Amino acid sequence: MTTLLVSDFKARCLAVLDRVHMDGETVLITRRGKPLAKVVPAAGTGAGRRVLGGLAGEACSKGDIVHAGFEGDWESLK
């Protein structure tokens, strides 16, 4: 959890909100060392970052995808 002074939050509000939305990070806003507010990501919005390899194993190729063997099916190739 990141802690920000209220003055820093005021200066960079939109950037902080974007970070909370994209990273799912919680931000605690303080005034004079005392907690004032906590910014948490909204439940169910889950945009989040994409995970590299997240679709691994979802597709498969069968046979030769470059030379599919359709040469006899096309008259223009004769």
N, C-alpha and C. Protein backbone atom coordinates (compact mmCIF):
# COMPACT_ATOMS: atom_id res chain seq x y z
N MET A 1 0.85 -1.17 0.00
CA MET A 1 0.00 0.00 0.00
C MET A 1 0.90 1.23 0.00
N THR A 2 0.58 2.15 -0.89
CA THR A 2 1.32 3.39 -1.00
C THR A 2 0.66 4.45 -0.12
N THR A 3 1.46 5.29 0.51
CA THR A 3 0.95 6.38 1.33
C THR A 3 1.34 7.70 0.67
N LEU A 4 0.36 8.60 0.55
CA LEU A 4 0.58 9.92 -0.04
C LEU A 4 0.04 11.01 0.88
N LEU A 5 0.74 12.13 0.89
CA LEU A 5 0.20 13.31 1.57
C LEU A 5 -0.97 13.84 0.75
N VAL A 6 -1.91 14.46 1.41
CA VAL A 6 -3.08 14.97 0.71
C VAL A 6 -2.68 16.00 -0.35
N SER A 7 -1.64 16.77 -0.11
CA SER A 7 -1.20 17.76 -1.10
C SER A 7 -0.63 17.07 -2.35
N ASP A 8 0.10 15.95 -2.16
CA ASP A 8 0.62 15.19 -3.31
C ASP A 8 -0.53 14.54 -4.09
N PHE A 9 -1.51 14.03 -3.36
CA PHE A 9 -2.66 13.43 -4.03
C PHE A 9 -3.41 14.48 -4.84
N LYS A 10 -3.57 15.66 -4.29
CA LYS A 10 -4.27 16.74 -4.98
C LYS A 10 -3.54 17.11 -6.27
N ALA A 11 -2.21 17.12 -6.23
CA ALA A 11 -1.43 17.51 -7.39
C ALA A 11 -1.43 16.43 -8.48
N ARG A 12 -1.52 15.15 -8.10
CA ARG A 12 -1.41 14.06 -9.07
C ARG A 12 -2.62 13.14 -9.02
N CYS A 13 -3.78 13.66 -8.77
CA CYS A 13 -5.00 12.88 -8.56
C CYS A 13 -5.28 11.90 -9.70
N LEU A 14 -5.31 12.38 -10.93
CA LEU A 14 -5.67 11.51 -12.06
C LEU A 14 -4.64 10.41 -12.28
N ALA A 15 -3.37 10.73 -12.11
CA ALA A 15 -2.33 9.71 -12.26
C ALA A 15 -2.44 8.64 -11.17
N VAL A 16 -2.75 9.07 -9.96
CA VAL A 16 -2.92 8.11 -8.86
C VAL A 16 -4.13 7.22 -9.12
N LEU A 17 -5.22 7.79 -9.56
CA LEU A 17 -6.41 7.00 -9.85
C LEU A 17 -6.17 6.01 -10.99
N ASP A 18 -5.42 6.42 -12.00
CA ASP A 18 -5.07 5.49 -13.08
C ASP A 18 -4.24 4.33 -12.56
N ARG A 19 -3.29 4.62 -11.68
CA ARG A 19 -2.44 3.57 -11.12
C ARG A 19 -3.26 2.60 -10.27
N VAL A 20 -4.19 3.12 -9.50
CA VAL A 20 -5.07 2.27 -8.69
C VAL A 20 -5.89 1.37 -9.59
N HIS A 21 -6.40 1.92 -10.67
CA HIS A 21 -7.24 1.15 -11.59
C HIS A 21 -6.43 0.08 -12.33
N MET A 22 -5.28 0.44 -12.87
CA MET A 22 -4.49 -0.48 -13.68
C MET A 22 -3.76 -1.53 -12.85
N ASP A 23 -3.15 -1.14 -11.75
CA ASP A 23 -2.32 -2.05 -10.96
C ASP A 23 -3.08 -2.70 -9.81
N GLY A 24 -4.25 -2.18 -9.48
CA GLY A 24 -4.99 -2.71 -8.35
C GLY A 24 -4.36 -2.33 -7.02
N GLU A 25 -3.54 -1.30 -7.03
CA GLU A 25 -2.82 -0.86 -5.83
C GLU A 25 -3.72 0.02 -4.96
N THR A 26 -3.64 -0.16 -3.65
CA THR A 26 -4.38 0.67 -2.70
C THR A 26 -3.49 1.84 -2.28
N VAL A 27 -4.09 3.04 -2.20
CA VAL A 27 -3.35 4.24 -1.82
C VAL A 27 -4.00 4.84 -0.58
N LEU A 28 -3.20 5.08 0.45
CA LEU A 28 -3.66 5.71 1.68
C LEU A 28 -3.27 7.19 1.62
N ILE A 29 -4.24 8.06 1.83
CA ILE A 29 -4.01 9.51 1.79
C ILE A 29 -4.00 10.02 3.22
N THR A 30 -2.94 10.75 3.57
CA THR A 30 -2.81 11.23 4.94
C THR A 30 -2.73 12.75 4.99
N ARG A 31 -3.14 13.28 6.15
CA ARG A 31 -3.00 14.72 6.43
C ARG A 31 -2.35 14.83 7.80
N ARG A 32 -1.18 15.43 7.81
CA ARG A 32 -0.41 15.60 9.05
C ARG A 32 -0.15 14.26 9.75
N GLY A 33 0.11 13.23 8.93
CA GLY A 33 0.46 11.92 9.47
C GLY A 33 -0.70 11.04 9.87
N LYS A 34 -1.92 11.56 9.77
CA LYS A 34 -3.10 10.76 10.15
C LYS A 34 -3.85 10.35 8.89
N PRO A 35 -4.31 9.11 8.83
CA PRO A 35 -5.05 8.64 7.65
C PRO A 35 -6.31 9.47 7.42
N LEU A 36 -6.50 9.88 6.19
CA LEU A 36 -7.65 10.69 5.82
C LEU A 36 -8.60 9.90 4.93
N ALA A 37 -8.04 9.18 3.97
CA ALA A 37 -8.87 8.40 3.05
C ALA A 37 -8.04 7.27 2.47
N LYS A 38 -8.74 6.26 1.97
CA LYS A 38 -8.07 5.15 1.31
C LYS A 38 -8.73 4.98 -0.06
N VAL A 39 -7.89 4.96 -1.10
CA VAL A 39 -8.38 4.76 -2.47
C VAL A 39 -8.10 3.32 -2.85
N VAL A 40 -9.16 2.58 -3.12
CA VAL A 40 -9.04 1.17 -3.50
C VAL A 40 -9.68 0.97 -4.86
N PRO A 41 -9.25 -0.04 -5.60
CA PRO A 41 -9.88 -0.29 -6.91
C PRO A 41 -11.33 -0.73 -6.73
N ALA A 42 -12.17 -0.32 -7.64
CA ALA A 42 -13.58 -0.70 -7.59
C ALA A 42 -13.70 -2.20 -7.83
N ALA A 43 -14.57 -2.84 -7.10
CA ALA A 43 -14.77 -4.28 -7.25
C ALA A 43 -15.44 -4.59 -8.58
N GLY A 44 -14.95 -5.61 -9.24
CA GLY A 44 -15.57 -6.06 -10.48
C GLY A 44 -15.14 -5.33 -11.73
N THR A 45 -14.32 -4.28 -11.61
CA THR A 45 -13.91 -3.60 -12.83
C THR A 45 -12.71 -4.27 -13.45
N GLY A 46 -11.89 -4.93 -12.70
CA GLY A 46 -10.77 -5.75 -13.10
C GLY A 46 -10.14 -5.53 -14.46
N ALA A 47 -9.86 -4.31 -14.86
CA ALA A 47 -9.16 -4.11 -16.12
C ALA A 47 -7.77 -4.72 -16.01
N GLY A 48 -7.05 -4.27 -15.03
CA GLY A 48 -5.75 -4.85 -14.75
C GLY A 48 -4.82 -4.91 -15.92
N ARG A 49 -3.62 -5.39 -15.69
CA ARG A 49 -2.64 -5.55 -16.75
C ARG A 49 -2.80 -6.90 -17.40
N ARG A 50 -2.42 -6.98 -18.66
CA ARG A 50 -2.45 -8.24 -19.36
C ARG A 50 -1.28 -9.08 -18.91
N VAL A 51 -1.51 -10.36 -18.80
CA VAL A 51 -0.46 -11.28 -18.38
C VAL A 51 0.16 -11.90 -19.62
N LEU A 52 1.49 -11.82 -19.70
CA LEU A 52 2.20 -12.41 -20.81
C LEU A 52 2.01 -13.92 -20.77
N GLY A 53 1.53 -14.50 -21.87
CA GLY A 53 1.29 -15.93 -21.93
C GLY A 53 -0.04 -16.33 -21.34
N GLY A 54 -0.93 -15.39 -21.13
CA GLY A 54 -2.22 -15.67 -20.51
C GLY A 54 -3.11 -16.57 -21.35
N LEU A 55 -2.87 -16.63 -22.65
CA LEU A 55 -3.68 -17.49 -23.53
C LEU A 55 -2.94 -18.75 -23.94
N ALA A 56 -1.86 -19.07 -23.25
CA ALA A 56 -1.08 -20.26 -23.59
C ALA A 56 -1.95 -21.50 -23.46
N GLY A 57 -1.90 -22.34 -24.47
CA GLY A 57 -2.66 -23.58 -24.46
C GLY A 57 -4.10 -23.44 -24.91
N GLU A 58 -4.53 -22.26 -25.32
CA GLU A 58 -5.91 -22.04 -25.73
C GLU A 58 -6.14 -22.38 -27.20
N ALA A 59 -5.09 -22.46 -28.00
CA ALA A 59 -5.24 -22.76 -29.42
C ALA A 59 -4.24 -23.84 -29.82
N CYS A 60 -4.57 -24.55 -30.88
CA CYS A 60 -3.64 -25.55 -31.37
C CYS A 60 -3.71 -25.56 -32.89
N SER A 61 -2.62 -25.96 -33.53
CA SER A 61 -2.60 -26.07 -34.98
C SER A 61 -2.42 -27.54 -35.33
N LYS A 62 -3.15 -27.97 -36.32
CA LYS A 62 -3.08 -29.36 -36.75
C LYS A 62 -2.62 -29.38 -38.19
N GLY A 63 -1.53 -30.04 -38.44
CA GLY A 63 -1.01 -30.14 -39.79
C GLY A 63 -0.14 -28.97 -40.15
N ASP A 64 0.17 -28.88 -41.43
CA ASP A 64 1.04 -27.82 -41.96
C ASP A 64 0.19 -26.60 -42.29
N ILE A 65 0.39 -25.50 -41.58
CA ILE A 65 -0.43 -24.32 -41.82
C ILE A 65 0.09 -23.49 -42.99
N VAL A 66 1.31 -23.79 -43.50
CA VAL A 66 1.86 -23.04 -44.63
C VAL A 66 1.49 -23.73 -45.93
N HIS A 67 1.68 -25.00 -46.01
CA HIS A 67 1.36 -25.78 -47.21
C HIS A 67 0.22 -26.73 -46.86
N ALA A 68 -0.99 -26.24 -47.01
CA ALA A 68 -2.15 -26.99 -46.54
C ALA A 68 -2.56 -28.12 -47.48
N GLY A 69 -2.02 -28.19 -48.69
CA GLY A 69 -2.35 -29.28 -49.60
C GLY A 69 -3.61 -29.04 -50.41
N PHE A 70 -3.92 -27.79 -50.72
CA PHE A 70 -5.11 -27.48 -51.51
C PHE A 70 -4.77 -27.27 -52.99
N GLU A 71 -3.58 -27.67 -53.42
CA GLU A 71 -3.16 -27.39 -54.79
C GLU A 71 -4.10 -28.01 -55.82
N GLY A 72 -4.60 -29.20 -55.55
CA GLY A 72 -5.49 -29.87 -56.50
C GLY A 72 -6.89 -29.29 -56.54
N ASP A 73 -7.25 -28.52 -55.55
CA ASP A 73 -8.60 -27.96 -55.45
C ASP A 73 -8.78 -26.66 -56.24
N TRP A 74 -7.71 -26.04 -56.67
CA TRP A 74 -7.82 -24.74 -57.32
C TRP A 74 -7.48 -24.87 -58.80
N GLU A 75 -8.40 -24.49 -59.63
CA GLU A 75 -8.20 -24.57 -61.07
C GLU A 75 -7.14 -23.58 -61.55
N SER A 76 -7.01 -22.46 -60.90
CA SER A 76 -6.07 -21.43 -61.35
C SER A 76 -4.61 -21.88 -61.16
N LEU A 77 -4.37 -22.87 -60.36
CA LEU A 77 -3.01 -23.35 -60.15
C LEU A 77 -2.58 -24.37 -61.20
N LYS A 78 -3.52 -24.82 -62.06
CA LYS A 78 -3.20 -25.84 -63.07
C LYS A 78 -2.60 -25.23 -64.30
